[in-house]
PDB file of all heavy atoms in Angstrom:
ATOM      1  N   GLN A   1     128.624 112.527  94.827  1.00  0.00           N
ATOM      2  CA  GLN A   1     128.557 112.258  96.235  1.00  0.00           C
ATOM      3  C   GLN A   1     127.970 110.858  96.501  1.00  0.00           C
ATOM      4  O   GLN A   1     128.359 110.075  97.266  1.00  0.00           O
ATOM      5  CB  GLN A   1     127.792 113.277  97.007  1.00  0.00           C
ATOM      6  CG  GLN A   1     128.463 114.573  97.177  1.00  0.00           C
ATOM      7  CD  GLN A   1     127.622 115.639  97.890  1.00  0.00           C
ATOM      8  OE1 GLN A   1     126.414 115.400  98.087  1.00  0.00           O
ATOM      9  NE2 GLN A   1     128.230 116.780  98.277  1.00  0.00           N
ATOM     10  N   LEU A   2     126.849 110.595  95.752  1.00  0.00           N
ATOM     11  CA  LEU A   2     126.161 109.286  95.903  1.00  0.00           C
ATOM     12  C   LEU A   2     127.001 108.134  95.449  1.00  0.00           C
ATOM     13  O   LEU A   2     127.041 107.085  96.013  1.00  0.00           O
ATOM     14  CB  LEU A   2     124.789 109.284  95.235  1.00  0.00           C
ATOM     15  CG  LEU A   2     123.770 110.195  95.866  1.00  0.00           C
ATOM     16  CD1 LEU A   2     122.578 110.270  94.928  1.00  0.00           C
ATOM     17  CD2 LEU A   2     123.362 109.663  97.185  1.00  0.00           C
ATOM     18  N   VAL A   3     127.802 108.339  94.388  1.00  0.00           N
ATOM     19  CA  VAL A   3     128.699 107.346  93.911  1.00  0.00           C
ATOM     20  C   VAL A   3     129.876 107.134  94.901  1.00  0.00           C
ATOM     21  O   VAL A   3     130.260 106.003  95.208  1.00  0.00           O
ATOM     22  CB  VAL A   3     129.286 107.719  92.517  1.00  0.00           C
ATOM     23  CG1 VAL A   3     130.421 106.790  92.101  1.00  0.00           C
ATOM     24  CG2 VAL A   3     128.232 107.639  91.452  1.00  0.00           C
ATOM     25  N   ALA A   4     130.339 108.199  95.464  1.00  0.00           N
ATOM     26  CA  ALA A   4     131.429 108.195  96.435  1.00  0.00           C
ATOM     27  C   ALA A   4     131.073 107.428  97.746  1.00  0.00           C
ATOM     28  O   ALA A   4     131.848 106.732  98.304  1.00  0.00           O
ATOM     29  CB  ALA A   4     131.972 109.541  96.746  1.00  0.00           C
ATOM     30  N   ILE A   5     129.786 107.641  98.099  1.00  0.00           N
ATOM     31  CA  ILE A   5     129.329 106.942  99.318  1.00  0.00           C
ATOM     32  C   ILE A   5     129.234 105.431  99.068  1.00  0.00           C
ATOM     33  O   ILE A   5     129.590 104.573  99.972  1.00  0.00           O
ATOM     34  CB  ILE A   5     127.947 107.467  99.701  1.00  0.00           C
ATOM     35  CG1 ILE A   5     128.081 108.915 100.246  1.00  0.00           C
ATOM     36  CG2 ILE A   5     127.307 106.581 100.823  1.00  0.00           C
ATOM     37  CD1 ILE A   5     126.734 109.613 100.464  1.00  0.00           C
ATOM     38  N   GLY A   6     128.868 105.033  97.906  1.00  0.00           N
ATOM     39  CA  GLY A   6     128.753 103.618  97.539  1.00  0.00           C
ATOM     40  C   GLY A   6     127.647 102.938  98.371  1.00  0.00           C
ATOM     41  O   GLY A   6     126.613 103.499  98.503  1.00  0.00           O
ATOM     42  N   ASP A   7     127.929 101.745  98.818  1.00  0.00           N
ATOM     43  CA  ASP A   7     126.907 100.994  99.572  1.00  0.00           C
ATOM     44  C   ASP A   7     127.144 101.137 101.072  1.00  0.00           C
ATOM     45  O   ASP A   7     126.507 100.536 101.830  1.00  0.00           O
ATOM     46  CB  ASP A   7     126.968  99.531  99.193  1.00  0.00           C
ATOM     47  CG  ASP A   7     128.270  98.838  99.450  1.00  0.00           C
ATOM     48  OD1 ASP A   7     129.209  99.521  99.891  1.00  0.00           O
ATOM     49  OD2 ASP A   7     128.332  97.606  99.254  1.00  0.00           O
ATOM     50  N   GLY A   8     128.088 102.033 101.416  1.00  0.00           N
ATOM     51  CA  GLY A   8     128.358 102.225 102.853  1.00  0.00           C
ATOM     52  C   GLY A   8     129.569 101.442 103.318  1.00  0.00           C
ATOM     53  O   GLY A   8     130.184 101.796 104.361  1.00  0.00           O
ATOM     54  N   LYS A   9     129.840 100.392 102.663  1.00  0.00           N
ATOM     55  CA  LYS A   9     131.033  99.534 102.957  1.00  0.00           C
ATOM     56  C   LYS A   9     132.251  99.860 102.177  1.00  0.00           C
ATOM     57  O   LYS A   9     133.307 100.030 102.644  1.00  0.00           O
ATOM     58  CB  LYS A   9     130.682  98.035 102.864  1.00  0.00           C
ATOM     59  CG  LYS A   9     129.558  97.558 103.741  1.00  0.00           C
ATOM     60  CD  LYS A   9     129.174  96.139 103.477  1.00  0.00           C
ATOM     61  CE  LYS A   9     127.974  95.778 104.266  1.00  0.00           C
ATOM     62  NZ  LYS A   9     127.394  94.485 103.860  1.00  0.00           N
ATOM     63  N   THR A  10     131.969  99.847 100.857  1.00  0.00           N
ATOM     64  CA  THR A  10     133.084 100.165  99.943  1.00  0.00           C
ATOM     65  C   THR A  10     132.738 101.462  99.116  1.00  0.00           C
ATOM     66  O   THR A  10     131.684 101.518  98.513  1.00  0.00           O
ATOM     67  CB  THR A  10     133.295  99.064  98.861  1.00  0.00           C
ATOM     68  OG1 THR A  10     132.046  98.813  98.263  1.00  0.00           O
ATOM     69  CG2 THR A  10     133.810  97.812  99.579  1.00  0.00           C
ATOM     70  N   PRO A  11     133.562 102.483  99.157  1.00  0.00           N
ATOM     71  CA  PRO A  11     133.277 103.703  98.526  1.00  0.00           C
ATOM     72  C   PRO A  11     133.433 103.577  96.971  1.00  0.00           C
ATOM     73  O   PRO A  11     134.306 102.775  96.528  1.00  0.00           O
ATOM     74  CB  PRO A  11     134.271 104.707  99.071  1.00  0.00           C
ATOM     75  CG  PRO A  11     135.438 103.880  99.526  1.00  0.00           C
ATOM     76  CD  PRO A  11     134.843 102.553  99.959  1.00  0.00           C
ATOM     77  N   GLY A  12     132.649 104.326  96.213  1.00  0.00           N
ATOM     78  CA  GLY A  12     132.791 104.306  94.747  1.00  0.00           C
ATOM     79  C   GLY A  12     133.716 105.417  94.284  1.00  0.00           C
ATOM     80  O   GLY A  12     134.238 106.173  95.158  1.00  0.00           O
ATOM     81  N   GLU A  13     134.019 105.398  92.976  1.00  0.00           N
ATOM     82  CA  GLU A  13     134.945 106.396  92.476  1.00  0.00           C
ATOM     83  C   GLU A  13     134.526 106.844  91.115  1.00  0.00           C
ATOM     84  O   GLU A  13     134.268 105.990  90.217  1.00  0.00           O
ATOM     85  CB  GLU A  13     136.299 105.746  92.429  1.00  0.00           C
ATOM     86  CG  GLU A  13     137.402 106.572  91.699  1.00  0.00           C
ATOM     87  CD  GLU A  13     138.637 105.755  91.495  1.00  0.00           C
ATOM     88  OE1 GLU A  13     138.617 104.583  91.606  1.00  0.00           O
ATOM     89  OE2 GLU A  13     139.649 106.421  91.088  1.00  0.00           O
ATOM     90  N   VAL A  14     134.414 108.169  90.900  1.00  0.00           N
ATOM     91  CA  VAL A  14     134.122 108.724  89.562  1.00  0.00           C
ATOM     92  C   VAL A  14     135.434 108.818  88.848  1.00  0.00           C
ATOM     93  O   VAL A  14     136.367 109.403  89.287  1.00  0.00           O
ATOM     94  CB  VAL A  14     133.485 110.035  89.669  1.00  0.00           C
ATOM     95  CG1 VAL A  14     133.250 110.695  88.281  1.00  0.00           C
ATOM     96  CG2 VAL A  14     132.100 109.986  90.373  1.00  0.00           C
ATOM     97  N   THR A  15     135.493 108.123  87.649  1.00  0.00           N
ATOM     98  CA  THR A  15     136.757 108.140  86.907  1.00  0.00           C
ATOM     99  C   THR A  15     136.825 109.136  85.794  1.00  0.00           C
ATOM    100  O   THR A  15     137.919 109.639  85.468  1.00  0.00           O
ATOM    101  CB  THR A  15     137.000 106.766  86.293  1.00  0.00           C
ATOM    102  OG1 THR A  15     135.925 106.418  85.497  1.00  0.00           O
ATOM    103  CG2 THR A  15     137.185 105.702  87.342  1.00  0.00           C
ATOM    104  N   LYS A  16     135.631 109.529  85.275  1.00  0.00           N
ATOM    105  CA  LYS A  16     135.617 110.561  84.192  1.00  0.00           C
ATOM    106  C   LYS A  16     134.271 111.249  84.161  1.00  0.00           C
ATOM    107  O   LYS A  16     133.278 110.725  84.360  1.00  0.00           O
ATOM    108  CB  LYS A  16     135.842 109.763  82.869  1.00  0.00           C
ATOM    109  CG  LYS A  16     135.945 110.619  81.631  1.00  0.00           C
ATOM    110  CD  LYS A  16     136.171 109.777  80.427  1.00  0.00           C
ATOM    111  CE  LYS A  16     136.148 110.616  79.138  1.00  0.00           C
ATOM    112  NZ  LYS A  16     136.224 109.825  77.952  1.00  0.00           N
ATOM    113  N   VAL A  17     134.404 112.568  83.839  1.00  0.00           N
ATOM    114  CA  VAL A  17     133.246 113.399  83.739  1.00  0.00           C
ATOM    115  C   VAL A  17     133.401 114.094  82.367  1.00  0.00           C
ATOM    116  O   VAL A  17     134.395 114.846  82.198  1.00  0.00           O
ATOM    117  CB  VAL A  17     133.073 114.489  84.830  1.00  0.00           C
ATOM    118  CG1 VAL A  17     131.955 115.391  84.555  1.00  0.00           C
ATOM    119  CG2 VAL A  17     132.974 113.803  86.200  1.00  0.00           C
ATOM    120  N   ASP A  18     132.458 113.790  81.470  1.00  0.00           N
ATOM    121  CA  ASP A  18     132.539 114.388  80.101  1.00  0.00           C
ATOM    122  C   ASP A  18     131.303 115.228  79.908  1.00  0.00           C
ATOM    123  O   ASP A  18     130.217 114.743  79.756  1.00  0.00           O
ATOM    124  CB  ASP A  18     132.520 113.265  79.102  1.00  0.00           C
ATOM    125  CG  ASP A  18     132.696 113.733  77.683  1.00  0.00           C
ATOM    126  OD1 ASP A  18     133.101 114.904  77.472  1.00  0.00           O
ATOM    127  OD2 ASP A  18     132.473 112.955  76.697  1.00  0.00           O
ATOM    128  N   THR A  19     131.530 116.543  79.892  1.00  0.00           N
ATOM    129  CA  THR A  19     130.471 117.554  79.671  1.00  0.00           C
ATOM    130  C   THR A  19     130.327 117.732  78.177  1.00  0.00           C
ATOM    131  O   THR A  19     131.248 118.242  77.518  1.00  0.00           O
ATOM    132  CB  THR A  19     130.743 118.869  80.413  1.00  0.00           C
ATOM    133  OG1 THR A  19     130.958 118.539  81.804  1.00  0.00           O
ATOM    134  CG2 THR A  19     129.539 119.833  80.262  1.00  0.00           C
ATOM    135  N   ARG A  20     129.149 117.444  77.625  1.00  0.00           N
ATOM    136  CA  ARG A  20     128.958 117.591  76.170  1.00  0.00           C
ATOM    137  C   ARG A  20     128.476 118.945  75.818  1.00  0.00           C
ATOM    138  O   ARG A  20     128.384 119.285  74.640  1.00  0.00           O
ATOM    139  CB  ARG A  20     127.946 116.561  75.765  1.00  0.00           C
ATOM    140  CG  ARG A  20     128.415 115.103  75.897  1.00  0.00           C
ATOM    141  CD  ARG A  20     129.460 114.802  74.942  1.00  0.00           C
ATOM    142  NE  ARG A  20     130.092 113.521  75.166  1.00  0.00           N
ATOM    143  CZ  ARG A  20     129.919 112.500  74.311  1.00  0.00           C
ATOM    144  NH1 ARG A  20     129.221 112.617  73.237  1.00  0.00           N
ATOM    145  NH2 ARG A  20     130.570 111.372  74.568  1.00  0.00           N
ATOM    146  N   GLY A  21     128.074 119.763  76.741  1.00  0.00           N
ATOM    147  CA  GLY A  21     127.563 121.127  76.498  1.00  0.00           C
ATOM    148  C   GLY A  21     126.132 121.123  76.043  1.00  0.00           C
ATOM    149  O   GLY A  21     125.387 120.114  76.132  1.00  0.00           O
ATOM    150  N   LYS A  22     125.710 122.269  75.601  1.00  0.00           N
ATOM    151  CA  LYS A  22     124.275 122.400  75.152  1.00  0.00           C
ATOM    152  C   LYS A  22     124.121 121.871  73.781  1.00  0.00           C
ATOM    153  O   LYS A  22     124.991 121.999  72.913  1.00  0.00           O
ATOM    154  CB  LYS A  22     123.896 123.955  75.189  1.00  0.00           C
ATOM    155  CG  LYS A  22     123.738 124.467  76.581  1.00  0.00           C
ATOM    156  CD  LYS A  22     123.185 125.824  76.574  1.00  0.00           C
ATOM    157  CE  LYS A  22     123.093 126.423  77.978  1.00  0.00           C
ATOM    158  NZ  LYS A  22     122.471 127.706  77.928  1.00  0.00           N
ATOM    159  N   ARG A  23     122.979 121.265  73.538  1.00  0.00           N
ATOM    160  CA  ARG A  23     122.658 120.770  72.236  1.00  0.00           C
ATOM    161  C   ARG A  23     121.139 120.771  72.036  1.00  0.00           C
ATOM    162  O   ARG A  23     120.382 120.789  73.003  1.00  0.00           O
ATOM    163  CB  ARG A  23     123.233 119.352  72.033  1.00  0.00           C
ATOM    164  CG  ARG A  23     122.611 118.330  72.869  1.00  0.00           C
ATOM    165  CD  ARG A  23     123.236 116.924  72.555  1.00  0.00           C
ATOM    166  NE  ARG A  23     122.303 115.890  72.976  1.00  0.00           N
ATOM    167  CZ  ARG A  23     121.512 115.259  72.119  1.00  0.00           C
ATOM    168  NH1 ARG A  23     121.536 115.513  70.850  1.00  0.00           N
ATOM    169  NH2 ARG A  23     120.663 114.337  72.596  1.00  0.00           N
ATOM    170  N   ARG A  24     120.736 120.709  70.814  1.00  0.00           N
ATOM    171  CA  ARG A  24     119.284 120.708  70.479  1.00  0.00           C
ATOM    172  C   ARG A  24     118.879 119.242  70.512  1.00  0.00           C
ATOM    173  O   ARG A  24     119.478 118.393  69.996  1.00  0.00           O
ATOM    174  CB  ARG A  24     119.088 121.261  69.077  1.00  0.00           C
ATOM    175  CG  ARG A  24     117.661 121.465  68.705  1.00  0.00           C
ATOM    176  CD  ARG A  24     117.581 122.388  67.519  1.00  0.00           C
ATOM    177  NE  ARG A  24     116.202 122.604  67.167  1.00  0.00           N
ATOM    178  CZ  ARG A  24     115.330 123.426  67.769  1.00  0.00           C
ATOM    179  NH1 ARG A  24     115.681 124.104  68.767  1.00  0.00           N
ATOM    180  NH2 ARG A  24     114.099 123.492  67.333  1.00  0.00           N
ATOM    181  N   LEU A  25     117.700 118.997  71.141  1.00  0.00           N
ATOM    182  CA  LEU A  25     117.107 117.672  71.202  1.00  0.00           C
ATOM    183  C   LEU A  25     116.470 117.251  69.895  1.00  0.00           C
ATOM    184  O   LEU A  25     115.939 118.134  69.118  1.00  0.00           O
ATOM    185  CB  LEU A  25     116.143 117.628  72.392  1.00  0.00           C
ATOM    186  CG  LEU A  25     116.655 117.853  73.782  1.00  0.00           C
ATOM    187  CD1 LEU A  25     115.512 118.012  74.747  1.00  0.00           C
ATOM    188  CD2 LEU A  25     117.584 116.740  74.191  1.00  0.00           C
ATOM    189  N   ALA A  26     116.438 116.024  69.609  1.00  0.00           N
ATOM    190  CA  ALA A  26     115.779 115.525  68.420  1.00  0.00           C
ATOM    191  C   ALA A  26     114.264 115.712  68.519  1.00  0.00           C
ATOM    192  O   ALA A  26     113.617 115.892  67.498  1.00  0.00           O
ATOM    193  CB  ALA A  26     116.096 114.022  68.201  1.00  0.00           C
ATOM    194  N   TYR A  27     113.730 115.640  69.665  1.00  0.00           N
ATOM    195  CA  TYR A  27     112.295 115.819  69.845  1.00  0.00           C
ATOM    196  C   TYR A  27     112.127 116.515  71.321  1.00  0.00           C
ATOM    197  O   TYR A  27     112.977 116.296  72.138  1.00  0.00           O
ATOM    198  CB  TYR A  27     111.557 114.522  69.774  1.00  0.00           C
ATOM    199  CG  TYR A  27     112.002 113.444  70.741  1.00  0.00           C
ATOM    200  CD1 TYR A  27     111.452 113.329  72.002  1.00  0.00           C
ATOM    201  CD2 TYR A  27     113.006 112.611  70.348  1.00  0.00           C
ATOM    202  CE1 TYR A  27     111.888 112.403  72.860  1.00  0.00           C
ATOM    203  CE2 TYR A  27     113.456 111.558  71.208  1.00  0.00           C
ATOM    204  CZ  TYR A  27     112.904 111.525  72.476  1.00  0.00           C
ATOM    205  OH  TYR A  27     113.341 110.537  73.351  1.00  0.00           O
ATOM    206  N   PRO A  28     111.030 117.277  71.475  1.00  0.00           N
ATOM    207  CA  PRO A  28     110.843 117.913  72.726  1.00  0.00           C
ATOM    208  C   PRO A  28     110.708 116.868  73.858  1.00  0.00           C
ATOM    209  O   PRO A  28     109.940 115.906  73.728  1.00  0.00           O
ATOM    210  CB  PRO A  28     109.626 118.740  72.612  1.00  0.00           C
ATOM    211  CG  PRO A  28     109.414 118.844  71.099  1.00  0.00           C
ATOM    212  CD  PRO A  28     110.023 117.657  70.528  1.00  0.00           C
ATOM    213  N   ILE A  29     111.320 117.214  75.014  1.00  0.00           N
ATOM    214  CA  ILE A  29     111.133 116.400  76.259  1.00  0.00           C
ATOM    215  C   ILE A  29     110.632 117.395  77.304  1.00  0.00           C
ATOM    216  O   ILE A  29     111.301 118.376  77.583  1.00  0.00           O
ATOM    217  CB  ILE A  29     112.445 115.726  76.685  1.00  0.00           C
ATOM    218  CG1 ILE A  29     112.982 114.805  75.650  1.00  0.00           C
ATOM    219  CG2 ILE A  29     112.226 115.015  78.010  1.00  0.00           C
ATOM    220  CD1 ILE A  29     114.322 114.218  75.953  1.00  0.00           C
ATOM    221  N   LYS A  30     109.428 117.148  77.861  1.00  0.00           N
ATOM    222  CA  LYS A  30     108.803 118.052  78.793  1.00  0.00           C
ATOM    223  C   LYS A  30     108.761 119.487  78.294  1.00  0.00           C
ATOM    224  O   LYS A  30     109.052 120.457  79.014  1.00  0.00           O
ATOM    225  CB  LYS A  30     109.572 118.009  80.142  1.00  0.00           C
ATOM    226  CG  LYS A  30     109.540 116.654  80.847  1.00  0.00           C
ATOM    227  CD  LYS A  30     110.265 116.690  82.179  1.00  0.00           C
ATOM    228  CE  LYS A  30     110.319 115.296  82.753  1.00  0.00           C
ATOM    229  NZ  LYS A  30     111.073 115.320  84.041  1.00  0.00           N
ATOM    230  N   LYS A  31     108.399 119.613  77.000  1.00  0.00           N
ATOM    231  CA  LYS A  31     108.345 120.914  76.330  1.00  0.00           C
ATOM    232  C   LYS A  31     109.671 121.655  76.250  1.00  0.00           C
ATOM    233  O   LYS A  31     109.641 122.882  76.024  1.00  0.00           O
ATOM    234  CB  LYS A  31     107.262 121.820  76.942  1.00  0.00           C
ATOM    235  CG  LYS A  31     105.868 121.097  76.878  1.00  0.00           C
ATOM    236  CD  LYS A  31     104.835 122.042  77.440  1.00  0.00           C
ATOM    237  CE  LYS A  31     103.491 121.354  77.410  1.00  0.00           C
ATOM    238  NZ  LYS A  31     102.450 122.200  77.997  1.00  0.00           N
ATOM    239  N   LYS A  32     110.792 120.967  76.364  1.00  0.00           N
ATOM    240  CA  LYS A  32     112.106 121.567  76.239  1.00  0.00           C
ATOM    241  C   LYS A  32     112.740 121.116  74.943  1.00  0.00           C
ATOM    242  O   LYS A  32     112.583 119.955  74.543  1.00  0.00           O
ATOM    243  CB  LYS A  32     113.009 121.173  77.414  1.00  0.00           C
ATOM    244  CG  LYS A  32     112.453 121.501  78.778  1.00  0.00           C
ATOM    245  CD  LYS A  32     112.328 122.970  78.998  1.00  0.00           C
ATOM    246  CE  LYS A  32     111.776 123.181  80.391  1.00  0.00           C
ATOM    247  NZ  LYS A  32     111.670 124.567  80.738  1.00  0.00           N
ATOM    248  N   VAL A  33     113.446 121.990  74.221  1.00  0.00           N
ATOM    249  CA  VAL A  33     114.074 121.618  72.941  1.00  0.00           C
ATOM    250  C   VAL A  33     115.556 121.644  73.030  1.00  0.00           C
ATOM    251  O   VAL A  33     116.176 121.238  72.077  1.00  0.00           O
ATOM    252  CB  VAL A  33     113.546 122.518  71.821  1.00  0.00           C
ATOM    253  CG1 VAL A  33     112.059 122.293  71.526  1.00  0.00           C
ATOM    254  CG2 VAL A  33     113.821 123.983  72.111  1.00  0.00           C
ATOM    255  N   GLU A  34     116.153 122.113  74.115  1.00  0.00           N
ATOM    256  CA  GLU A  34     117.609 122.159  74.260  1.00  0.00           C
ATOM    257  C   GLU A  34     117.971 121.557  75.613  1.00  0.00           C
ATOM    258  O   GLU A  34     117.238 121.572  76.592  1.00  0.00           O
ATOM    259  CB  GLU A  34     118.177 123.557  74.229  1.00  0.00           C
ATOM    260  CG  GLU A  34     118.180 124.170  72.832  1.00  0.00           C
ATOM    261  CD  GLU A  34     118.953 125.484  72.760  1.00  0.00           C
ATOM    262  OE1 GLU A  34     119.093 126.119  73.753  1.00  0.00           O
ATOM    263  OE2 GLU A  34     119.361 125.838  71.635  1.00  0.00           O
ATOM    264  N   SER A  35     119.196 120.980  75.688  1.00  0.00           N
ATOM    265  CA  SER A  35     119.625 120.273  76.884  1.00  0.00           C
ATOM    266  C   SER A  35     121.170 120.479  77.095  1.00  0.00           C
ATOM    267  O   SER A  35     121.895 120.870  76.144  1.00  0.00           O
ATOM    268  CB  SER A  35     119.299 118.849  76.844  1.00  0.00           C
ATOM    269  OG  SER A  35     120.094 118.213  75.869  1.00  0.00           O
ATOM    270  N   GLN A  36     121.524 120.223  78.237  1.00  0.00           N
ATOM    271  CA  GLN A  36     123.011 120.109  78.615  1.00  0.00           C
ATOM    272  C   GLN A  36     123.236 118.620  78.862  1.00  0.00           C
ATOM    273  O   GLN A  36     122.533 118.003  79.688  1.00  0.00           O
ATOM    274  CB  GLN A  36     123.344 120.912  79.830  1.00  0.00           C
ATOM    275  CG  GLN A  36     123.072 122.349  79.783  1.00  0.00           C
ATOM    276  CD  GLN A  36     123.405 123.024  81.091  1.00  0.00           C
ATOM    277  OE1 GLN A  36     124.397 122.689  81.741  1.00  0.00           O
ATOM    278  NE2 GLN A  36     122.586 123.944  81.447  1.00  0.00           N
ATOM    279  N   ASP A  37     124.212 118.045  78.213  1.00  0.00           N
ATOM    280  CA  ASP A  37     124.429 116.616  78.362  1.00  0.00           C
ATOM    281  C   ASP A  37     125.697 116.325  79.108  1.00  0.00           C
ATOM    282  O   ASP A  37     126.755 117.078  78.813  1.00  0.00           O
ATOM    283  CB  ASP A  37     124.517 115.861  76.950  1.00  0.00           C
ATOM    284  CG  ASP A  37     123.156 115.960  76.250  1.00  0.00           C
ATOM    285  OD1 ASP A  37     122.187 116.500  76.847  1.00  0.00           O
ATOM    286  OD2 ASP A  37     123.096 115.532  75.114  1.00  0.00           O
TER     287      ASP A  37
END
Protein backbone atom coordinates (compact mmCIF):
# COMPACT_ATOMS: atom_id res chain seq x y z
CA GLN A 1 0.00 0.00 0.00
CA LEU A 2 2.78 2.43 0.88
CA VAL A 3 4.53 1.71 -2.42
CA ALA A 4 1.26 2.12 -4.33
CA ILE A 5 0.61 5.51 -2.72
CA GLY A 6 4.04 6.70 -3.78
CA ASP A 7 4.76 10.36 -3.12
CA GLY A 8 1.14 11.40 -3.60
CA LYS A 9 1.70 12.60 -7.17
CA THR A 10 2.85 9.47 -8.96
CA PRO A 11 1.76 6.06 -7.71
CA GLY A 12 4.28 3.26 -7.31
CA GLU A 13 3.96 -0.29 -8.54
CA VAL A 14 5.02 -3.62 -7.03
CA THR A 15 6.38 -5.75 -9.86
CA LYS A 16 7.36 -8.93 -8.03
CA VAL A 17 6.82 -10.59 -4.64
CA ASP A 18 9.13 -13.49 -3.88
CA THR A 19 8.30 -15.39 -0.69
CA ARG A 20 11.32 -17.38 0.41
CA GLY A 21 9.49 -19.20 3.20
CA LYS A 22 10.81 -20.14 6.61
CA ARG A 23 14.53 -20.54 7.15
CA ARG A 24 17.01 -20.80 9.98
CA LEU A 25 18.99 -17.64 10.70
CA ALA A 26 22.78 -17.71 10.76
CA TYR A 27 22.71 -15.99 14.15
CA PRO A 28 19.89 -15.05 16.55
CA ILE A 29 18.15 -11.73 15.95
CA LYS A 30 16.10 -10.49 18.91
CA LYS A 31 16.42 -14.00 20.39
CA LYS A 32 14.77 -15.55 17.30
CA VAL A 33 16.47 -18.32 15.31
CA GLU A 34 13.96 -18.75 12.44
CA SER A 35 12.43 -16.27 10.03
CA GLN A 36 10.15 -15.86 7.05
CA ASP A 37 11.91 -14.03 4.21
